[in-house]
PDB file of N, CA and C in Angstrom:
ATOM      1  N   MET A   1      45.910  -1.199  -1.320  1.00  0.00           N
ATOM      2  CA  MET A   1      45.143  -1.706  -2.447  1.00  0.00           C
ATOM      3  C   MET A   1      43.663  -1.363  -2.310  1.00  0.00           C
ATOM      4  N   THR A   2      43.126  -1.456  -1.095  1.00  0.00           N
ATOM      5  CA  THR A   2      41.705  -1.165  -0.871  1.00  0.00           C
ATOM      6  C   THR A   2      41.367   0.264  -1.279  1.00  0.00           C
ATOM      7  N   ALA A   3      42.233   1.200  -0.908  1.00  0.00           N
ATOM      8  CA  ALA A   3      41.969   2.600  -1.254  1.00  0.00           C
ATOM      9  C   ALA A   3      41.915   2.791  -2.764  1.00  0.00           C
ATOM     10  N   LEU A   4      42.817   2.156  -3.486  1.00  0.00           N
ATOM     11  CA  LEU A   4      42.825   2.287  -4.947  1.00  0.00           C
ATOM     12  C   LEU A   4      41.577   1.669  -5.571  1.00  0.00           C
ATOM     13  N   VAL A   5      41.155   0.533  -5.044  1.00  0.00           N
ATOM     14  CA  VAL A   5      39.935  -0.107  -5.551  1.00  0.00           C
ATOM     15  C   VAL A   5      38.733   0.803  -5.314  1.00  0.00           C
ATOM     16  N   TYR A   6      38.646   1.368  -4.109  1.00  0.00           N
ATOM     17  CA  TYR A   6      37.525   2.258  -3.805  1.00  0.00           C
ATOM     18  C   TYR A   6      37.543   3.513  -4.683  1.00  0.00           C
ATOM     19  N   ILE A   7      38.700   4.073  -4.892  1.00  0.00           N
ATOM     20  CA  ILE A   7      38.792   5.271  -5.743  1.00  0.00           C
ATOM     21  C   ILE A   7      38.379   4.927  -7.173  1.00  0.00           C
ATOM     22  N   GLY A   8      38.872   3.810  -7.688  1.00  0.00           N
ATOM     23  CA  GLY A   8      38.475   3.383  -9.031  1.00  0.00           C
ATOM     24  C   GLY A   8      36.983   3.114  -9.127  1.00  0.00           C
ATOM     25  N   ALA A   9      36.435   2.455  -8.104  1.00  0.00           N
ATOM     26  CA  ALA A   9      34.996   2.166  -8.090  1.00  0.00           C
ATOM     27  C   ALA A   9      34.186   3.458  -8.055  1.00  0.00           C
ATOM     28  N   ALA A  10      34.633   4.407  -7.253  1.00  0.00           N
ATOM     29  CA  ALA A  10      33.908   5.680  -7.154  1.00  0.00           C
ATOM     30  C   ALA A  10      33.908   6.412  -8.489  1.00  0.00           C
ATOM     31  N   LEU A  11      35.054   6.465  -9.144  1.00  0.00           N
ATOM     32  CA  LEU A  11      35.117   7.144 -10.442  1.00  0.00           C
ATOM     33  C   LEU A  11      34.253   6.430 -11.476  1.00  0.00           C
ATOM     34  N   ALA A  12      34.270   5.098 -11.452  1.00  0.00           N
ATOM     35  CA  ALA A  12      33.438   4.341 -12.393  1.00  0.00           C
ATOM     36  C   ALA A  12      31.950   4.572 -12.120  1.00  0.00           C
ATOM     37  N   GLU A  13      31.562   4.577 -10.853  1.00  0.00           N
ATOM     38  CA  GLU A  13      30.149   4.781 -10.534  1.00  0.00           C
ATOM     39  C   GLU A  13      29.694   6.186 -10.899  1.00  0.00           C
ATOM     40  N   ILE A  14      30.496   7.170 -10.548  1.00  0.00           N
ATOM     41  CA  ILE A  14      30.123   8.557 -10.844  1.00  0.00           C
ATOM     42  C   ILE A  14      30.041   8.768 -12.348  1.00  0.00           C
ATOM     43  N   ALA A  15      31.012   8.249 -13.086  1.00  0.00           N
ATOM     44  CA  ALA A  15      30.984   8.407 -14.542  1.00  0.00           C
ATOM     45  C   ALA A  15      29.761   7.722 -15.143  1.00  0.00           C
ATOM     46  N   GLY A  16      29.444   6.530 -14.651  1.00  0.00           N
ATOM     47  CA  GLY A  16      28.274   5.821 -15.160  1.00  0.00           C
ATOM     48  C   GLY A  16      26.975   6.560 -14.868  1.00  0.00           C
ATOM     49  N   CYS A  17      26.859   7.043 -13.666  1.00  0.00           N
ATOM     50  CA  CYS A  17      25.650   7.797 -13.304  1.00  0.00           C
ATOM     51  C   CYS A  17      25.584   9.124 -14.051  1.00  0.00           C
ATOM     52  N   PHE A  18      26.739   9.760 -14.260  1.00  0.00           N
ATOM     53  CA  PHE A  18      26.753  11.023 -14.995  1.00  0.00           C
ATOM     54  C   PHE A  18      26.306  10.814 -16.442  1.00  0.00           C
ATOM     55  N   ALA A  19      26.611   9.652 -17.017  1.00  0.00           N
ATOM     56  CA  ALA A  19      26.166   9.368 -18.385  1.00  0.00           C
ATOM     57  C   ALA A  19      24.637   9.406 -18.462  1.00  0.00           C
ATOM     58  N   PHE A  20      23.979   8.833 -17.454  1.00  0.00           N
ATOM     59  CA  PHE A  20      22.513   8.896 -17.405  1.00  0.00           C
ATOM     60  C   PHE A  20      22.037  10.326 -17.187  1.00  0.00           C
ATOM     61  N   TRP A  21      22.722  11.058 -16.319  1.00  0.00           N
ATOM     62  CA  TRP A  21      22.398  12.465 -16.063  1.00  0.00           C
ATOM     63  C   TRP A  21      22.511  13.266 -17.362  1.00  0.00           C
ATOM     64  N   ALA A  22      23.595  13.026 -18.098  1.00  0.00           N
ATOM     65  CA  ALA A  22      23.816  13.756 -19.347  1.00  0.00           C
ATOM     66  C   ALA A  22      22.704  13.458 -20.353  1.00  0.00           C
ATOM     67  N   TRP A  23      22.276  12.211 -20.404  1.00  0.00           N
ATOM     68  CA  TRP A  23      21.208  11.841 -21.327  1.00  0.00           C
ATOM     69  C   TRP A  23      19.868  12.434 -20.906  1.00  0.00           C
ATOM     70  N   LEU A  24      19.494  12.228 -19.640  1.00  0.00           N
ATOM     71  CA  LEU A  24      18.157  12.620 -19.193  1.00  0.00           C
ATOM     72  C   LEU A  24      18.029  14.097 -18.826  1.00  0.00           C
ATOM     73  N   ARG A  25      19.068  14.668 -18.266  1.00  0.00           N
ATOM     74  CA  ARG A  25      18.960  16.039 -17.768  1.00  0.00           C
ATOM     75  C   ARG A  25      19.611  17.076 -18.678  1.00  0.00           C
ATOM     76  N   LEU A  26      20.613  16.663 -19.434  1.00  0.00           N
ATOM     77  CA  LEU A  26      21.335  17.609 -20.284  1.00  0.00           C
ATOM     78  C   LEU A  26      20.983  17.457 -21.758  1.00  0.00           C
ATOM     79  N   GLY A  27      20.138  16.466 -22.071  1.00  0.00           N
ATOM     80  CA  GLY A  27      19.676  16.290 -23.440  1.00  0.00           C
ATOM     81  C   GLY A  27      20.695  15.688 -24.392  1.00  0.00           C
ATOM     82  N   HIS A  28      21.701  14.990 -23.887  1.00  0.00           N
ATOM     83  CA  HIS A  28      22.687  14.349 -24.753  1.00  0.00           C
ATOM     84  C   HIS A  28      22.094  13.085 -25.373  1.00  0.00           C
ATOM     85  N   SER A  29      22.800  12.548 -26.327  1.00  0.00           N
ATOM     86  CA  SER A  29      22.368  11.356 -27.060  1.00  0.00           C
ATOM     87  C   SER A  29      22.202  10.148 -26.134  1.00  0.00           C
ATOM     88  N   PRO A  30      21.231   9.285 -26.443  1.00  0.00           N
ATOM     89  CA  PRO A  30      21.103   8.035 -25.676  1.00  0.00           C
ATOM     90  C   PRO A  30      22.340   7.138 -25.796  1.00  0.00           C
ATOM     91  N   LEU A  31      23.197   7.414 -26.758  1.00  0.00           N
ATOM     92  CA  LEU A  31      24.435   6.643 -26.887  1.00  0.00           C
ATOM     93  C   LEU A  31      25.344   6.823 -25.670  1.00  0.00           C
ATOM     94  N   TRP A  32      25.114   7.848 -24.889  1.00  0.00           N
ATOM     95  CA  TRP A  32      25.863   8.039 -23.633  1.00  0.00           C
ATOM     96  C   TRP A  32      25.623   6.866 -22.684  1.00  0.00           C
ATOM     97  N   LEU A  33      24.509   6.147 -22.880  1.00  0.00           N
ATOM     98  CA  LEU A  33      24.197   5.029 -21.992  1.00  0.00           C
ATOM     99  C   LEU A  33      25.145   3.845 -22.178  1.00  0.00           C
ATOM    100  N   VAL A  34      25.718   3.697 -23.341  1.00  0.00           N
ATOM    101  CA  VAL A  34      26.618   2.558 -23.584  1.00  0.00           C
ATOM    102  C   VAL A  34      27.849   2.631 -22.682  1.00  0.00           C
ATOM    103  N   PRO A  35      28.633   3.705 -22.732  1.00  0.00           N
ATOM    104  CA  PRO A  35      29.764   3.768 -21.803  1.00  0.00           C
ATOM    105  C   PRO A  35      29.307   3.884 -20.346  1.00  0.00           C
ATOM    106  N   GLY A  36      28.136   4.464 -20.141  1.00  0.00           N
ATOM    107  CA  GLY A  36      27.612   4.575 -18.781  1.00  0.00           C
ATOM    108  C   GLY A  36      27.352   3.207 -18.167  1.00  0.00           C
ATOM    109  N   LEU A  37      26.718   2.327 -18.914  1.00  0.00           N
ATOM    110  CA  LEU A  37      26.453   0.974 -18.414  1.00  0.00           C
ATOM    111  C   LEU A  37      27.742   0.179 -18.228  1.00  0.00           C
ATOM    112  N   MET A  38      28.690   0.354 -19.132  1.00  0.00           N
ATOM    113  CA  MET A  38      29.981  -0.324 -18.990  1.00  0.00           C
ATOM    114  C   MET A  38      30.703   0.170 -17.731  1.00  0.00           C
ATOM    115  N   SER A  39      30.609   1.452 -17.488  1.00  0.00           N
ATOM    116  CA  SER A  39      31.244   2.027 -16.313  1.00  0.00           C
ATOM    117  C   SER A  39      30.600   1.521 -15.027  1.00  0.00           C
ATOM    118  N   LEU A  40      29.283   1.381 -15.024  1.00  0.00           N
ATOM    119  CA  LEU A  40      28.596   0.860 -13.842  1.00  0.00           C
ATOM    120  C   LEU A  40      28.923  -0.612 -13.610  1.00  0.00           C
ATOM    121  N   ALA A  41      29.104  -1.386 -14.678  1.00  0.00           N
ATOM    122  CA  ALA A  41      29.519  -2.781 -14.525  1.00  0.00           C
ATOM    123  C   ALA A  41      30.941  -2.855 -13.953  1.00  0.00           C
ATOM    124  N   LEU A  42      31.816  -1.969 -14.403  1.00  0.00           N
ATOM    125  CA  LEU A  42      33.176  -1.904 -13.862  1.00  0.00           C
ATOM    126  C   LEU A  42      33.143  -1.567 -12.378  1.00  0.00           C
ATOM    127  N   PHE A  43      32.298  -0.637 -12.010  1.00  0.00           N
ATOM    128  CA  PHE A  43      32.131  -0.259 -10.605  1.00  0.00           C
ATOM    129  C   PHE A  43      31.761  -1.474  -9.753  1.00  0.00           C
ATOM    130  N   ALA A  44      30.777  -2.231 -10.190  1.00  0.00           N
ATOM    131  CA  ALA A  44      30.329  -3.403  -9.426  1.00  0.00           C
ATOM    132  C   ALA A  44      31.439  -4.435  -9.314  1.00  0.00           C
ATOM    133  N   TRP A  45      32.158  -4.676 -10.398  1.00  0.00           N
ATOM    134  CA  TRP A  45      33.257  -5.640 -10.368  1.00  0.00           C
ATOM    135  C   TRP A  45      34.361  -5.185  -9.423  1.00  0.00           C
ATOM    136  N   LEU A  46      34.708  -3.902  -9.458  1.00  0.00           N
ATOM    137  CA  LEU A  46      35.779  -3.404  -8.593  1.00  0.00           C
ATOM    138  C   LEU A  46      35.453  -3.611  -7.116  1.00  0.00           C
ATOM    139  N   LEU A  47      34.199  -3.418  -6.738  1.00  0.00           N
ATOM    140  CA  LEU A  47      33.852  -3.599  -5.326  1.00  0.00           C
ATOM    141  C   LEU A  47      34.034  -5.043  -4.865  1.00  0.00           C
ATOM    142  N   THR A  48      33.992  -5.996  -5.786  1.00  0.00           N
ATOM    143  CA  THR A  48      34.220  -7.387  -5.384  1.00  0.00           C
ATOM    144  C   THR A  48      35.681  -7.643  -5.020  1.00  0.00           C
ATOM    145  N   LEU A  49      36.567  -6.730  -5.358  1.00  0.00           N
ATOM    146  CA  LEU A  49      37.991  -6.892  -5.079  1.00  0.00           C
ATOM    147  C   LEU A  49      38.384  -6.434  -3.673  1.00  0.00           C
ATOM    148  N   VAL A  50      37.471  -5.790  -2.961  1.00  0.00           N
ATOM    149  CA  VAL A  50      37.772  -5.295  -1.619  1.00  0.00           C
ATOM    150  C   VAL A  50      37.917  -6.468  -0.658  1.00  0.00           C
ATOM    151  N   ASP A  51      38.989  -6.437   0.125  1.00  0.00           N
ATOM    152  CA  ASP A  51      39.238  -7.490   1.110  1.00  0.00           C
ATOM    153  C   ASP A  51      38.393  -7.211   2.355  1.00  0.00           C
ATOM    154  N   SER A  52      37.230  -7.833   2.392  1.00  0.00           N
ATOM    155  CA  SER A  52      36.303  -7.663   3.508  1.00  0.00           C
ATOM    156  C   SER A  52      35.579  -8.978   3.737  1.00  0.00           C
ATOM    157  N   ASP A  53      35.218  -9.231   4.994  1.00  0.00           N
ATOM    158  CA  ASP A  53      34.518 -10.474   5.305  1.00  0.00           C
ATOM    159  C   ASP A  53      33.040 -10.422   4.938  1.00  0.00           C
ATOM    160  N   ALA A  54      32.522  -9.251   4.614  1.00  0.00           N
ATOM    161  CA  ALA A  54      31.100  -9.114   4.295  1.00  0.00           C
ATOM    162  C   ALA A  54      30.905  -8.043   3.226  1.00  0.00           C
ATOM    163  N   ALA A  55      30.093  -8.336   2.247  1.00  0.00           N
ATOM    164  CA  ALA A  55      29.830  -7.384   1.172  1.00  0.00           C
ATOM    165  C   ALA A  55      29.224  -6.096   1.711  1.00  0.00           C
ATOM    166  N   GLY A  56      28.261  -6.220   2.626  1.00  0.00           N
ATOM    167  CA  GLY A  56      27.608  -5.030   3.175  1.00  0.00           C
ATOM    168  C   GLY A  56      28.583  -4.083   3.854  1.00  0.00           C
ATOM    169  N   ARG A  57      29.559  -4.638   4.549  1.00  0.00           N
ATOM    170  CA  ARG A  57      30.568  -3.808   5.210  1.00  0.00           C
ATOM    171  C   ARG A  57      31.452  -3.107   4.172  1.00  0.00           C
ATOM    172  N   ALA A  58      31.818  -3.836   3.129  1.00  0.00           N
ATOM    173  CA  ALA A  58      32.628  -3.227   2.061  1.00  0.00           C
ATOM    174  C   ALA A  58      31.863  -2.099   1.388  1.00  0.00           C
ATOM    175  N   TYR A  59      30.563  -2.308   1.155  1.00  0.00           N
ATOM    176  CA  TYR A  59      29.739  -1.280   0.505  1.00  0.00           C
ATOM    177  C   TYR A  59      29.539  -0.080   1.425  1.00  0.00           C
ATOM    178  N   ALA A  60      29.352  -0.325   2.707  1.00  0.00           N
ATOM    179  CA  ALA A  60      29.154   0.773   3.658  1.00  0.00           C
ATOM    180  C   ALA A  60      30.402   1.639   3.738  1.00  0.00           C
ATOM    181  N   ALA A  61      31.561   0.999   3.820  1.00  0.00           N
ATOM    182  CA  ALA A  61      32.807   1.764   3.886  1.00  0.00           C
ATOM    183  C   ALA A  61      33.045   2.523   2.582  1.00  0.00           C
ATOM    184  N   TYR A  62      32.652   1.933   1.476  1.00  0.00           N
ATOM    185  CA  TYR A  62      32.796   2.590   0.176  1.00  0.00           C
ATOM    186  C   TYR A  62      32.032   3.913   0.123  1.00  0.00           C
ATOM    187  N   GLY A  63      30.937   3.993   0.851  1.00  0.00           N
ATOM    188  CA  GLY A  63      30.118   5.206   0.828  1.00  0.00           C
ATOM    189  C   GLY A  63      30.902   6.464   1.160  1.00  0.00           C
ATOM    190  N   GLY A  64      31.798   6.387   2.115  1.00  0.00           N
ATOM    191  CA  GLY A  64      32.608   7.554   2.471  1.00  0.00           C
ATOM    192  C   GLY A  64      33.535   7.973   1.347  1.00  0.00           C
ATOM    193  N   VAL A  65      34.117   6.992   0.671  1.00  0.00           N
ATOM    194  CA  VAL A  65      34.996   7.289  -0.457  1.00  0.00           C
ATOM    195  C   VAL A  65      34.175   7.888  -1.601  1.00  0.00           C
ATOM    196  N   TYR A  66      32.984   7.345  -1.821  1.00  0.00           N
ATOM    197  CA  TYR A  66      32.107   7.860  -2.878  1.00  0.00           C
ATOM    198  C   TYR A  66      31.771   9.335  -2.650  1.00  0.00           C
ATOM    199  N   ILE A  67      31.491   9.697  -1.423  1.00  0.00           N
ATOM    200  CA  ILE A  67      31.162  11.093  -1.111  1.00  0.00           C
ATOM    201  C   ILE A  67      32.332  11.999  -1.458  1.00  0.00           C
ATOM    202  N   CYS A  68      33.530  11.612  -1.059  1.00  0.00           N
ATOM    203  CA  CYS A  68      34.717  12.426  -1.365  1.00  0.00           C
ATOM    204  C   CYS A  68      34.942  12.517  -2.876  1.00  0.00           C
ATOM    205  N   ALA A  69      34.815  11.403  -3.565  1.00  0.00           N
ATOM    206  CA  ALA A  69      35.000  11.404  -5.015  1.00  0.00           C
ATOM    207  C   ALA A  69      33.934  12.250  -5.711  1.00  0.00           C
ATOM    208  N   SER A  70      32.719  12.236  -5.195  1.00  0.00           N
ATOM    209  CA  SER A  70      31.648  13.048  -5.778  1.00  0.00           C
ATOM    210  C   SER A  70      31.970  14.533  -5.676  1.00  0.00           C
ATOM    211  N   LEU A  71      32.553  14.929  -4.568  1.00  0.00           N
ATOM    212  CA  LEU A  71      32.938  16.331  -4.422  1.00  0.00           C
ATOM    213  C   LEU A  71      34.099  16.678  -5.355  1.00  0.00           C
ATOM    214  N   GLY A  72      34.997  15.714  -5.573  1.00  0.00           N
ATOM    215  CA  GLY A  72      36.052  15.929  -6.563  1.00  0.00           C
ATOM    216  C   GLY A  72      35.482  16.086  -7.958  1.00  0.00           C
ATOM    217  N   TRP A  73      34.470  15.280  -8.283  1.00  0.00           N
ATOM    218  CA  TRP A  73      33.783  15.388  -9.575  1.00  0.00           C
ATOM    219  C   TRP A  73      33.097  16.744  -9.688  1.00  0.00           C
ATOM    220  N   LEU A  74      32.440  17.168  -8.614  1.00  0.00           N
ATOM    221  CA  LEU A  74      31.774  18.468  -8.590  1.00  0.00           C
ATOM    222  C   LEU A  74      32.741  19.573  -9.013  1.00  0.00           C
ATOM    223  N   TRP A  75      33.948  19.497  -8.490  1.00  0.00           N
ATOM    224  CA  TRP A  75      34.950  20.521  -8.761  1.00  0.00           C
ATOM    225  C   TRP A  75      35.566  20.349 -10.149  1.00  0.00           C
ATOM    226  N   ALA A  76      36.047  19.134 -10.449  1.00  0.00           N
ATOM    227  CA  ALA A  76      36.796  18.903 -11.685  1.00  0.00           C
ATOM    228  C   ALA A  76      35.937  18.932 -12.941  1.00  0.00           C
ATOM    229  N   VAL A  77      34.735  18.367 -12.869  1.00  0.00           N
ATOM    230  CA  VAL A  77      33.907  18.227 -14.064  1.00  0.00           C
ATOM    231  C   VAL A  77      32.835  19.315 -14.152  1.00  0.00           C
ATOM    232  N   GLU A  78      32.204  19.616 -13.008  1.00  0.00           N
ATOM    233  CA  GLU A  78      31.112  20.579 -13.033  1.00  0.00           C
ATOM    234  C   GLU A  78      31.559  22.008 -12.735  1.00  0.00           C
ATOM    235  N   GLY A  79      32.815  22.167 -12.333  1.00  0.00           N
ATOM    236  CA  GLY A  79      33.368  23.503 -12.132  1.00  0.00           C
ATOM    237  C   GLY A  79      32.888  24.222 -10.886  1.00  0.00           C
ATOM    238  N   LEU A  80      32.324  23.485  -9.920  1.00  0.00           N
ATOM    239  CA  LEU A  80      31.873  24.090  -8.669  1.00  0.00           C
ATOM    240  C   LEU A  80      32.788  23.649  -7.537  1.00  0.00           C
ATOM    241  N   ARG A  81      33.441  24.586  -6.914  1.00  0.00           N
ATOM    242  CA  ARG A  81      34.378  24.253  -5.843  1.00  0.00           C
ATOM    243  C   ARG A  81      33.619  23.916  -4.556  1.00  0.00           C
ATOM    244  N   PRO A  82      33.934  22.769  -3.948  1.00  0.00           N
ATOM    245  CA  PRO A  82      33.281  22.415  -2.677  1.00  0.00           C
ATOM    246  C   PRO A  82      33.595  23.469  -1.606  1.00  0.00           C
ATOM    247  N   ASP A  83      32.607  23.750  -0.764  1.00  0.00           N
ATOM    248  CA  ASP A  83      32.841  24.724   0.303  1.00  0.00           C
ATOM    249  C   ASP A  83      33.294  24.004   1.571  1.00  0.00           C
ATOM    250  N   ARG A  84      33.511  24.751   2.621  1.00  0.00           N
ATOM    251  CA  ARG A  84      34.043  24.163   3.856  1.00  0.00           C
ATOM    252  C   ARG A  84      33.073  23.156   4.461  1.00  0.00           C
ATOM    253  N   TRP A  85      31.788  23.333   4.264  1.00  0.00           N
ATOM    254  CA  TRP A  85      30.804  22.389   4.784  1.00  0.00           C
ATOM    255  C   TRP A  85      30.871  21.071   4.023  1.00  0.00           C
ATOM    256  N   ASP A  86      31.055  21.171   2.712  1.00  0.00           N
ATOM    257  CA  ASP A  86      31.239  19.964   1.905  1.00  0.00           C
ATOM    258  C   ASP A  86      32.475  19.200   2.378  1.00  0.00           C
ATOM    259  N   LEU A  87      33.566  19.911   2.532  1.00  0.00           N
ATOM    260  CA  LEU A  87      34.831  19.269   2.914  1.00  0.00           C
ATOM    261  C   LEU A  87      34.775  18.695   4.327  1.00  0.00           C
ATOM    262  N   GLY A  88      34.161  19.429   5.257  1.00  0.00           N
ATOM    263  CA  GLY A  88      34.029  18.928   6.625  1.00  0.00           C
ATOM    264  C   GLY A  88      33.159  17.680   6.679  1.00  0.00           C
ATOM    265  N   GLY A  89      32.051  17.703   5.971  1.00  0.00           N
ATOM    266  CA  GLY A  89      31.172  16.535   5.926  1.00  0.00           C
ATOM    267  C   GLY A  89      31.862  15.341   5.293  1.00  0.00           C
ATOM    268  N   ALA A  90      32.621  15.590   4.236  1.00  0.00           N
ATOM    269  CA  ALA A  90      33.337  14.504   3.579  1.00  0.00           C
ATOM    270  C   ALA A  90      34.395  13.902   4.504  1.00  0.00           C
ATOM    271  N   ALA A  91      35.078  14.734   5.258  1.00  0.00           N
ATOM    272  CA  ALA A  91      36.090  14.233   6.197  1.00  0.00           C
ATOM    273  C   ALA A  91      35.454  13.337   7.260  1.00  0.00           C
ATOM    274  N   ILE A  92      34.309  13.743   7.763  1.00  0.00           N
ATOM    275  CA  ILE A  92      33.595  12.927   8.754  1.00  0.00           C
ATOM    276  C   ILE A  92      33.179  11.587   8.141  1.00  0.00           C
ATOM    277  N   CYS A  93      32.673  11.628   6.924  1.00  0.00           N
ATOM    278  CA  CYS A  93      32.255  10.387   6.241  1.00  0.00           C
ATOM    279  C   CYS A  93      33.445   9.463   6.009  1.00  0.00           C
ATOM    280  N   LEU A  94      34.576  10.019   5.609  1.00  0.00           N
ATOM    281  CA  LEU A  94      35.760   9.197   5.367  1.00  0.00           C
ATOM    282  C   LEU A  94      36.273   8.577   6.661  1.00  0.00           C
ATOM    283  N   LEU A  95      36.202   9.327   7.747  1.00  0.00           N
ATOM    284  CA  LEU A  95      36.580   8.773   9.045  1.00  0.00           C
ATOM    285  C   LEU A  95      35.656   7.609   9.407  1.00  0.00           C
ATOM    286  N   GLY A  96      34.369   7.796   9.216  1.00  0.00           N
ATOM    287  CA  GLY A  96      33.410   6.730   9.492  1.00  0.00           C
ATOM    288  C   GLY A  96      33.655   5.509   8.626  1.00  0.00           C
ATOM    289  N   ALA A  97      33.952   5.726   7.349  1.00  0.00           N
ATOM    290  CA  ALA A  97      34.241   4.612   6.445  1.00  0.00           C
ATOM    291  C   ALA A  97      35.468   3.841   6.906  1.00  0.00           C
ATOM    292  N   SER A  98      36.483   4.549   7.367  1.00  0.00           N
ATOM    293  CA  SER A  98      37.703   3.896   7.859  1.00  0.00           C
ATOM    294  C   SER A  98      37.411   3.048   9.089  1.00  0.00           C
ATOM    295  N   ILE A  99      36.591   3.565   9.977  1.00  0.00           N
ATOM    296  CA  ILE A  99      36.233   2.805  11.174  1.00  0.00           C
ATOM    297  C   ILE A  99      35.484   1.534  10.792  1.00  0.00           C
ATOM    298  N   ILE A 100      34.540   1.647   9.878  1.00  0.00           N
ATOM    299  CA  ILE A 100      33.766   0.478   9.448  1.00  0.00           C
ATOM    300  C   ILE A 100      34.667  -0.588   8.851  1.00  0.00           C
ATOM    301  N   LEU A 101      35.579  -0.183   7.980  1.00  0.00           N
ATOM    302  CA  LEU A 101      36.370  -1.169   7.250  1.00  0.00           C
ATOM    303  C   LEU A 101      37.537  -1.726   8.061  1.00  0.00           C
ATOM    304  N   PHE A 102      38.197  -0.885   8.858  1.00  0.00           N
ATOM    305  CA  PHE A 102      39.446  -1.297   9.499  1.00  0.00           C
ATOM    306  C   PHE A 102      39.366  -1.588  10.986  1.00  0.00           C
ATOM    307  N   ALA A 103      38.192  -1.494  11.572  1.00  0.00           N
ATOM    308  CA  ALA A 103      38.056  -1.761  13.014  1.00  0.00           C
ATOM    309  C   ALA A 103      38.399  -3.218  13.313  1.00  0.00           C
ATOM    310  N   PRO A 104      39.089  -3.450  14.427  1.00  0.00           N
ATOM    311  CA  PRO A 104      39.370  -4.845  14.788  1.00  0.00           C
ATOM    312  C   PRO A 104      38.078  -5.549  15.183  1.00  0.00           C
ATOM    313  N   ARG A 105      37.909  -6.753  14.700  1.00  0.00           N
ATOM    314  CA  ARG A 105      36.699  -7.514  14.981  1.00  0.00           C
ATOM    315  C   ARG A 105      37.083  -8.901  15.482  1.00  0.00           C
ATOM    316  N   ALA A 106      36.254  -9.420  16.339  1.00  0.00           N
ATOM    317  CA  ALA A 106      36.468 -10.777  16.835  1.00  0.00           C
ATOM    318  C   ALA A 106      36.193 -11.768  15.698  1.00  0.00           C
ATOM    319  N   ALA A 107      36.981 -12.791  15.637  1.00  0.00           N
ATOM    320  CA  ALA A 107      36.821 -13.779  14.559  1.00  0.00           C
ATOM    321  C   ALA A 107      35.689 -14.729  14.817  1.00  0.00           C
TER     322      ALA A 107
END
C-alpha cells in the first residue's frame, strides 16, 4: 500500500508542479493553475496515508520515489529518455528511501 500511495503522490505532485511550469515557462493559460492546485492538494493528502511514525521520515522516504517518478515523467511527457546516470542515481535514491522507511527501529 505504501508504494502505491507514494507513486500516486509523486504523480500528483509532478502534475501540479508541471501545471505551474506550463503557465510560467510555456506560456499556457493561467487556468492551468486550477487543476495544478487541486493536484498539489491531492499530493499532500496522499502523503498523510503513509504508515510511518513520523511525517519527516515519510517525506524523506518519498523523495526517492519522487526522483524515480520525475524521470518517468521526463520520458513519458517530455520525450527525453533518462540516461544511465539518471537511472543509476534513481536506483541509489530508491534504495536510500527504502532504508529510511523500512529500517527496524527501537520502539
